[in-house]
C-alpha atoms as a PDB file:
ATOM      1  CA  UNK A   1      -9.086 -21.842  14.541  1.00  0.00           C
ATOM      2  CA  UNK A   2      -5.785 -21.526  16.474  1.00  0.00           C
ATOM      3  CA  UNK A   3      -5.857 -18.823  19.095  1.00  0.00           C
ATOM      4  CA  UNK A   4      -3.207 -19.169  21.547  1.00  0.00           C
ATOM      5  CA  UNK A   5      -4.215 -18.418  25.026  1.00  0.00           C
ATOM      6  CA  UNK A   6      -0.857 -16.941  26.022  1.00  0.00           C
ATOM      7  CA  UNK A   7      -1.223 -13.888  23.582  1.00  0.00           C
ATOM      8  CA  UNK A   8      -3.328 -10.756  23.358  1.00  0.00           C
ATOM      9  CA  UNK A   9      -5.158  -9.647  20.146  1.00  0.00           C
ATOM     10  CA  UNK A  10      -6.629  -6.683  18.389  1.00  0.00           C
ATOM     11  CA  UNK A  11      -9.890  -6.106  16.438  1.00  0.00           C
ATOM     12  CA  UNK A  12      -7.725  -5.686  13.311  1.00  0.00           C
ATOM     13  CA  UNK A  13      -6.560  -9.261  13.746  1.00  0.00           C
ATOM     14  CA  UNK A  14      -3.083  -8.808  15.061  1.00  0.00           C
ATOM     15  CA  UNK A  15      -1.726 -10.766  17.727  1.00  0.00           C
ATOM     16  CA  UNK A  16       0.548  -9.388  20.534  1.00  0.00           C
ATOM     17  CA  UNK A  17       3.137 -11.256  22.758  1.00  0.00           C
ATOM     18  CA  UNK A  18       4.435  -9.153  25.575  1.00  0.00           C
ATOM     19  CA  UNK A  19       7.931  -9.934  27.012  1.00  0.00           C
ATOM     20  CA  UNK A  20       9.075  -7.058  29.483  1.00  0.00           C
ATOM     21  CA  UNK A  21       8.736  -3.793  27.590  1.00  0.00           C
ATOM     22  CA  UNK A  22       8.836  -5.449  24.060  1.00  0.00           C
ATOM     23  CA  UNK A  23       5.889  -6.779  22.168  1.00  0.00           C
ATOM     24  CA  UNK A  24       6.222  -9.117  19.180  1.00  0.00           C
ATOM     25  CA  UNK A  25       3.482  -8.547  16.690  1.00  0.00           C
ATOM     26  CA  UNK A  26       1.945 -10.561  13.729  1.00  0.00           C
ATOM     27  CA  UNK A  27      -1.408 -11.318  12.182  1.00  0.00           C
ATOM     28  CA  UNK A  28      -3.650 -14.050  13.450  1.00  0.00           C
ATOM     29  CA  UNK A  29      -4.433 -17.450  12.063  1.00  0.00           C
ATOM     30  CA  UNK A  30      -7.961 -16.042  11.205  1.00  0.00           C
ATOM     31  CA  UNK A  31      -6.423 -13.168   9.355  1.00  0.00           C
ATOM     32  CA  UNK A  32      -4.093 -15.150   7.151  1.00  0.00           C
ATOM     33  CA  UNK A  33      -6.854 -17.526   6.405  1.00  0.00           C
ATOM     34  CA  UNK A  34      -9.049 -14.810   5.207  1.00  0.00           C
ATOM     35  CA  UNK A  35      -6.041 -13.103   3.147  1.00  0.00           C
ATOM     36  CA  UNK A  36      -5.054 -16.364   1.517  1.00  0.00           C
ATOM     37  CA  UNK A  37      -1.611 -17.064   0.210  1.00  0.00           C
ATOM     38  CA  UNK A  38       0.648 -14.232   1.501  1.00  0.00           C
ATOM     39  CA  UNK A  39       3.296 -13.241  -1.306  1.00  0.00           C
ATOM     40  CA  UNK A  40       4.750 -10.167   0.196  1.00  0.00           C
ATOM     41  CA  UNK A  41       5.212  -8.495   3.691  1.00  0.00           C
ATOM     42  CA  UNK A  42       6.459  -4.893   3.771  1.00  0.00           C
ATOM     43  CA  UNK A  43       7.612  -3.037   6.747  1.00  0.00           C
ATOM     44  CA  UNK A  44       9.517   0.247   6.082  1.00  0.00           C
ATOM     45  CA  UNK A  45       9.054   1.692   9.592  1.00  0.00           C
ATOM     46  CA  UNK A  46      11.931  -0.126  11.291  1.00  0.00           C
ATOM     47  CA  UNK A  47      13.568   2.226  13.923  1.00  0.00           C
ATOM     48  CA  UNK A  48      10.551   4.576  13.804  1.00  0.00           C
ATOM     49  CA  UNK A  49       8.409   5.478  16.812  1.00  0.00           C
ATOM     50  CA  UNK A  50       4.722   5.208  15.804  1.00  0.00           C
ATOM     51  CA  UNK A  51       1.508   5.731  17.640  1.00  0.00           C
ATOM     52  CA  UNK A  52      -1.031   3.003  18.352  1.00  0.00           C
ATOM     53  CA  UNK A  53      -3.228   2.335  15.170  1.00  0.00           C
ATOM     54  CA  UNK A  54      -0.660   3.829  12.950  1.00  0.00           C
ATOM     55  CA  UNK A  55       0.144   1.711   9.716  1.00  0.00           C
ATOM     56  CA  UNK A  56       3.435   0.024  10.349  1.00  0.00           C
ATOM     57  CA  UNK A  57       3.534  -2.014   6.898  1.00  0.00           C
ATOM     58  CA  UNK A  58       1.482  -4.058   4.518  1.00  0.00           C
ATOM     59  CA  UNK A  59       0.924  -7.511   3.682  1.00  0.00           C
ATOM     60  CA  UNK A  60       0.147  -8.634   0.288  1.00  0.00           C
ATOM     61  CA  UNK A  61      -1.870 -11.764  -0.692  1.00  0.00           C
ATOM     62  CA  UNK A  62      -2.527 -13.043  -4.263  1.00  0.00           C
ATOM     63  CA  UNK A  63      -5.826 -11.010  -4.242  1.00  0.00           C
ATOM     64  CA  UNK A  64      -5.451  -8.139  -1.987  1.00  0.00           C
ATOM     65  CA  UNK A  65      -3.110  -5.886  -0.060  1.00  0.00           C
ATOM     66  CA  UNK A  66      -3.877  -5.051   3.696  1.00  0.00           C
ATOM     67  CA  UNK A  67      -2.490  -2.481   6.018  1.00  0.00           C
ATOM     68  CA  UNK A  68      -0.920  -3.650   9.190  1.00  0.00           C
ATOM     69  CA  UNK A  69      -1.912  -1.438  12.440  1.00  0.00           C
ATOM     70  CA  UNK A  70       0.378  -1.077  15.310  1.00  0.00           C
ATOM     71  CA  UNK A  71      -1.567  -2.144  18.397  1.00  0.00           C
ATOM     72  CA  UNK A  72       0.778  -0.329  20.999  1.00  0.00           C
ATOM     73  CA  UNK A  73       2.511   3.008  20.527  1.00  0.00           C
ATOM     74  CA  UNK A  74       6.252   2.603  20.593  1.00  0.00           C
ATOM     75  CA  UNK A  75       9.400   2.103  18.448  1.00  0.00           C
ATOM     76  CA  UNK A  76       9.801  -0.731  15.958  1.00  0.00           C
ATOM     77  CA  UNK A  77      13.003  -2.367  16.777  1.00  0.00           C
ATOM     78  CA  UNK A  78      12.948  -5.497  14.658  1.00  0.00           C
ATOM     79  CA  UNK A  79      11.515  -6.790  11.643  1.00  0.00           C
ATOM     80  CA  UNK A  80      11.376 -10.515  10.704  1.00  0.00           C
ATOM     81  CA  UNK A  81      13.371 -10.189   7.550  1.00  0.00           C
ATOM     82  CA  UNK A  82      13.107 -13.953   6.869  1.00  0.00           C
ATOM     83  CA  UNK A  83       9.592 -12.896   5.481  1.00  0.00           C
ATOM     84  CA  UNK A  84      11.410 -11.041   2.640  1.00  0.00           C
ATOM     85  CA  UNK A  85      12.318 -14.415   1.064  1.00  0.00           C
ATOM     86  CA  UNK A  86       9.658 -16.696   2.727  1.00  0.00           C
ATOM     87  CA  UNK A  87       6.313 -14.623   3.325  1.00  0.00           C
ATOM     88  CA  UNK A  88       4.560 -17.874   3.211  1.00  0.00           C
ATOM     89  CA  UNK A  89       5.492 -18.316   6.874  1.00  0.00           C
ATOM     90  CA  UNK A  90       2.771 -16.115   7.767  1.00  0.00           C
ATOM     91  CA  UNK A  91       0.438 -18.597   6.442  1.00  0.00           C
ATOM     92  CA  UNK A  92       2.111 -21.717   7.713  1.00  0.00           C
ATOM     93  CA  UNK A  93       3.163 -20.381  11.116  1.00  0.00           C
ATOM     94  CA  UNK A  94       1.526 -17.188  12.068  1.00  0.00           C
ATOM     95  CA  UNK A  95       2.224 -17.265  15.744  1.00  0.00           C
ATOM     96  CA  UNK A  96       5.760 -18.560  15.359  1.00  0.00           C
ATOM     97  CA  UNK A  97       8.105 -18.044  12.344  1.00  0.00           C
ATOM     98  CA  UNK A  98       5.488 -15.654  10.845  1.00  0.00           C
ATOM     99  CA  UNK A  99       5.981 -12.812  13.410  1.00  0.00           C
ATOM    100  CA  UNK A 100       6.422  -9.581  11.701  1.00  0.00           C
ATOM    101  CA  UNK A 101       7.808  -6.887  14.022  1.00  0.00           C
ATOM    102  CA  UNK A 102       9.044  -6.288  17.674  1.00  0.00           C
ATOM    103  CA  UNK A 103       8.305  -2.915  19.241  1.00  0.00           C
ATOM    104  CA  UNK A 104       9.493  -1.241  22.461  1.00  0.00           C
ATOM    105  CA  UNK A 105       6.201  -0.060  23.572  1.00  0.00           C
ATOM    106  CA  UNK A 106       6.108   3.310  25.285  1.00  0.00           C
ATOM    107  CA  UNK A 107       2.528   3.240  27.101  1.00  0.00           C
ATOM    108  CA  UNK A 108       2.076   0.067  29.285  1.00  0.00           C
ATOM    109  CA  UNK A 109      -1.553   1.398  29.993  1.00  0.00           C
ATOM    110  CA  UNK A 110      -2.555   0.550  26.286  1.00  0.00           C
ATOM    111  CA  UNK A 111      -2.007  -3.058  27.158  1.00  0.00           C
ATOM    112  CA  UNK A 112      -5.285  -2.958  28.988  1.00  0.00           C
ATOM    113  CA  UNK A 113      -7.130  -2.250  25.491  1.00  0.00           C
ATOM    114  CA  UNK A 114      -5.846  -5.523  24.000  1.00  0.00           C
ATOM    115  CA  UNK A 115      -8.369  -8.246  23.541  1.00  0.00           C
ATOM    116  CA  UNK A 116      -8.187 -11.497  25.475  1.00  0.00           C
ATOM    117  CA  UNK A 117      -8.298 -14.757  23.472  1.00  0.00           C
ATOM    118  CA  UNK A 118     -11.933 -15.213  24.516  1.00  0.00           C
ATOM    119  CA  UNK A 119     -12.798 -11.669  23.247  1.00  0.00           C
ATOM    120  CA  UNK A 120     -11.176 -12.264  20.081  1.00  0.00           C
ATOM    121  CA  UNK A 121     -13.007 -15.484  19.454  1.00  0.00           C
ATOM    122  CA  UNK A 122     -16.197 -13.511  20.084  1.00  0.00           C
ATOM    123  CA  UNK A 123     -15.094 -10.857  17.304  1.00  0.00           C
ATOM    124  CA  UNK A 124     -14.512 -13.557  14.764  1.00  0.00           C
ATOM    125  CA  UNK A 125     -17.324 -15.823  15.676  1.00  0.00           C
ATOM    126  CA  UNK A 126     -15.365 -18.647  16.606  1.00  0.00           C
END
């Protein structure tokens, strides 16, 4: 199971990469493996300000549709629109080309609530 050490994680199986006051967000290798073949990623919240744990989009796999929950409060400033044509990037490169959104987060204290790689490994039993 690929769990990069430089990232933070959520109990909802999202990963978070912090760069200044911006966070890049996607789903973890574990999550994409559980979902199976991703066929569609929908994010219709671009340029919206959302609170932590609000739904910012959905990911559709062959057998299921799952909501995507925002790990930090903030404004969604970018969507990886390459996923519109190639949603399978989430399966093949979840921590790279499979990123989903970038947000300008509004409450840095929420960073403390994100999971370390070690804590995330415990949640998934890895």
